[in-house]
N, C-alpha and C. Protein backbone atom coordinates (compact mmCIF):
# COMPACT_ATOMS: atom_id res chain seq x y z
N MET A 1 53.20 161.85 -52.66
CA MET A 1 53.17 160.46 -52.30
C MET A 1 53.09 160.37 -50.78
N ASN A 2 52.40 159.35 -50.31
CA ASN A 2 52.28 159.14 -48.88
C ASN A 2 52.61 157.68 -48.55
N MET A 3 52.59 157.34 -47.28
CA MET A 3 52.97 156.00 -46.85
C MET A 3 52.03 154.92 -47.41
N GLU A 4 50.77 155.25 -47.56
CA GLU A 4 49.82 154.28 -48.14
C GLU A 4 50.21 153.94 -49.57
N GLU A 5 50.58 154.96 -50.33
CA GLU A 5 50.98 154.75 -51.73
C GLU A 5 52.30 153.97 -51.79
N VAL A 6 53.23 154.28 -50.89
CA VAL A 6 54.48 153.53 -50.83
C VAL A 6 54.17 152.06 -50.53
N GLY A 7 53.26 151.82 -49.61
CA GLY A 7 52.87 150.45 -49.29
C GLY A 7 52.28 149.73 -50.48
N ARG A 8 51.54 150.45 -51.31
CA ARG A 8 50.94 149.85 -52.51
C ARG A 8 52.02 149.48 -53.53
N LEU A 9 53.07 150.30 -53.63
CA LEU A 9 54.15 150.05 -54.59
C LEU A 9 55.17 149.03 -54.10
N SER A 10 55.29 148.88 -52.79
CA SER A 10 56.34 148.05 -52.20
C SER A 10 56.44 146.64 -52.77
N PRO A 11 55.35 145.89 -52.88
CA PRO A 11 55.49 144.52 -53.41
C PRO A 11 56.07 144.49 -54.83
N PHE A 12 55.66 145.44 -55.66
CA PHE A 12 56.17 145.51 -57.03
C PHE A 12 57.65 145.85 -57.04
N LEU A 13 58.04 146.84 -56.23
CA LEU A 13 59.43 147.26 -56.17
C LEU A 13 60.32 146.16 -55.61
N ASN A 14 59.84 145.47 -54.61
CA ASN A 14 60.63 144.38 -54.03
C ASN A 14 60.89 143.28 -55.04
N ARG A 15 59.95 143.02 -55.93
CA ARG A 15 60.16 142.02 -56.98
C ARG A 15 61.14 142.50 -58.04
N LEU A 16 61.11 143.80 -58.33
CA LEU A 16 61.99 144.34 -59.38
C LEU A 16 63.44 144.51 -58.94
N ILE A 17 63.63 144.89 -57.71
CA ILE A 17 64.98 145.17 -57.21
C ILE A 17 65.57 143.87 -56.69
N ASN A 18 66.76 143.52 -57.19
CA ASN A 18 67.33 142.23 -56.80
C ASN A 18 67.65 142.18 -55.31
N LYS A 19 67.94 141.00 -54.83
CA LYS A 19 68.14 140.80 -53.40
C LYS A 19 69.33 141.58 -52.84
N ASN A 20 70.28 141.92 -53.69
CA ASN A 20 71.44 142.70 -53.24
C ASN A 20 71.19 144.19 -53.32
N GLY A 21 70.02 144.59 -53.76
CA GLY A 21 69.71 145.99 -53.92
C GLY A 21 68.78 146.49 -52.83
N ARG A 22 68.55 147.79 -52.87
CA ARG A 22 67.59 148.40 -51.94
C ARG A 22 67.01 149.66 -52.58
N TRP A 23 65.87 150.06 -52.07
CA TRP A 23 65.20 151.25 -52.58
C TRP A 23 64.58 151.99 -51.41
N ASN A 24 64.34 153.30 -51.63
CA ASN A 24 63.64 154.09 -50.62
C ASN A 24 63.08 155.36 -51.26
N PHE A 25 62.19 156.01 -50.53
CA PHE A 25 61.62 157.28 -50.93
C PHE A 25 62.03 158.33 -49.92
N ASP A 26 62.31 159.53 -50.39
CA ASP A 26 62.51 160.67 -49.51
C ASP A 26 61.20 161.45 -49.52
N LEU A 27 60.30 161.08 -48.63
CA LEU A 27 58.97 161.70 -48.60
C LEU A 27 58.99 163.10 -48.01
N GLU A 28 60.12 163.49 -47.39
CA GLU A 28 60.24 164.85 -46.86
C GLU A 28 60.64 165.84 -47.95
N ASP A 29 61.20 165.34 -49.04
CA ASP A 29 61.54 166.18 -50.18
C ASP A 29 60.26 166.49 -50.95
N CYS A 30 60.13 167.71 -51.42
CA CYS A 30 58.90 168.11 -52.13
C CYS A 30 58.69 167.30 -53.41
N ASP A 31 59.75 166.71 -53.96
CA ASP A 31 59.64 165.91 -55.18
C ASP A 31 59.51 164.41 -54.89
N ASN A 32 59.49 164.02 -53.60
CA ASN A 32 59.38 162.61 -53.22
C ASN A 32 60.38 161.75 -53.99
N ILE A 33 61.65 162.06 -53.81
CA ILE A 33 62.72 161.37 -54.54
C ILE A 33 62.73 159.88 -54.22
N PHE A 34 62.79 159.07 -55.26
CA PHE A 34 62.89 157.62 -55.15
C PHE A 34 64.33 157.24 -55.49
N ARG A 35 64.98 156.48 -54.61
CA ARG A 35 66.36 156.07 -54.84
C ARG A 35 66.42 154.55 -54.92
N VAL A 36 67.27 154.10 -55.85
CA VAL A 36 67.50 152.66 -56.03
C VAL A 36 69.01 152.43 -56.01
N GLU A 37 69.43 151.44 -55.23
CA GLU A 37 70.82 151.00 -55.22
C GLU A 37 70.81 149.52 -55.58
N THR A 38 71.33 149.20 -56.75
CA THR A 38 71.37 147.82 -57.21
C THR A 38 72.45 147.68 -58.27
N GLU A 39 72.89 146.47 -58.51
CA GLU A 39 73.93 146.23 -59.50
C GLU A 39 73.43 146.45 -60.93
N SER A 40 72.19 146.15 -61.17
CA SER A 40 71.67 146.26 -62.54
C SER A 40 70.26 146.85 -62.53
N PRO A 41 70.16 148.16 -62.34
CA PRO A 41 68.81 148.75 -62.34
C PRO A 41 68.20 148.71 -63.73
N ASP A 42 66.93 148.42 -63.78
CA ASP A 42 66.19 148.44 -65.04
C ASP A 42 65.31 149.68 -65.01
N VAL A 43 65.90 150.79 -65.39
CA VAL A 43 65.25 152.10 -65.26
C VAL A 43 63.92 152.15 -66.00
N LEU A 44 63.87 151.62 -67.20
CA LEU A 44 62.63 151.68 -67.99
C LEU A 44 61.51 150.87 -67.35
N THR A 45 61.84 149.72 -66.81
CA THR A 45 60.83 148.89 -66.15
C THR A 45 60.32 149.57 -64.89
N ILE A 46 61.22 150.17 -64.12
CA ILE A 46 60.81 150.87 -62.91
C ILE A 46 59.93 152.06 -63.25
N ALA A 47 60.32 152.84 -64.25
CA ALA A 47 59.51 153.99 -64.66
C ALA A 47 58.13 153.54 -65.14
N GLN A 48 58.07 152.44 -65.87
CA GLN A 48 56.79 151.92 -66.36
C GLN A 48 55.91 151.47 -65.20
N LEU A 49 56.50 150.86 -64.19
CA LEU A 49 55.75 150.46 -63.00
C LEU A 49 55.09 151.66 -62.36
N PHE A 50 55.85 152.73 -62.18
CA PHE A 50 55.29 153.94 -61.59
C PHE A 50 54.15 154.49 -62.46
N GLN A 51 54.37 154.55 -63.76
CA GLN A 51 53.34 155.07 -64.65
C GLN A 51 52.09 154.21 -64.62
N ASN A 52 52.26 152.90 -64.57
CA ASN A 52 51.10 152.00 -64.51
C ASN A 52 50.30 152.19 -63.23
N GLN A 53 50.95 152.64 -62.18
CA GLN A 53 50.28 152.87 -60.90
C GLN A 53 49.82 154.33 -60.74
N GLY A 54 49.97 155.13 -61.79
CA GLY A 54 49.47 156.50 -61.77
C GLY A 54 50.45 157.55 -61.28
N PHE A 55 51.75 157.22 -61.28
CA PHE A 55 52.78 158.16 -60.83
C PHE A 55 53.68 158.53 -61.99
N TRP A 56 54.32 159.67 -61.87
CA TRP A 56 55.30 160.10 -62.87
C TRP A 56 56.68 159.84 -62.32
N CYS A 57 57.59 159.35 -63.16
CA CYS A 57 58.93 159.00 -62.72
C CYS A 57 59.91 159.25 -63.85
N GLU A 58 61.07 159.82 -63.50
CA GLU A 58 62.13 159.97 -64.49
C GLU A 58 63.48 159.79 -63.79
N GLU A 59 64.46 159.34 -64.53
CA GLU A 59 65.79 159.13 -63.98
C GLU A 59 66.50 160.47 -63.82
N LEU A 60 67.13 160.67 -62.69
CA LEU A 60 67.97 161.83 -62.45
C LEU A 60 69.42 161.40 -62.62
N HIS A 61 70.19 162.24 -63.25
CA HIS A 61 71.62 161.89 -63.47
C HIS A 61 72.49 162.67 -62.54
């Protein structure tokens, strides 16, 4: 993932993550870890968004 791809996803992610939440990518990590901090994450919806945009995503525990 690169900054252009993050820019493409940003509007979608901003709509999904509530106003009290935040998200970011660790683009320096080889796995490009995506982190979400929110009161009520909708993991399935977020994963589907990534898949619809051509990315693979899974929840880490």
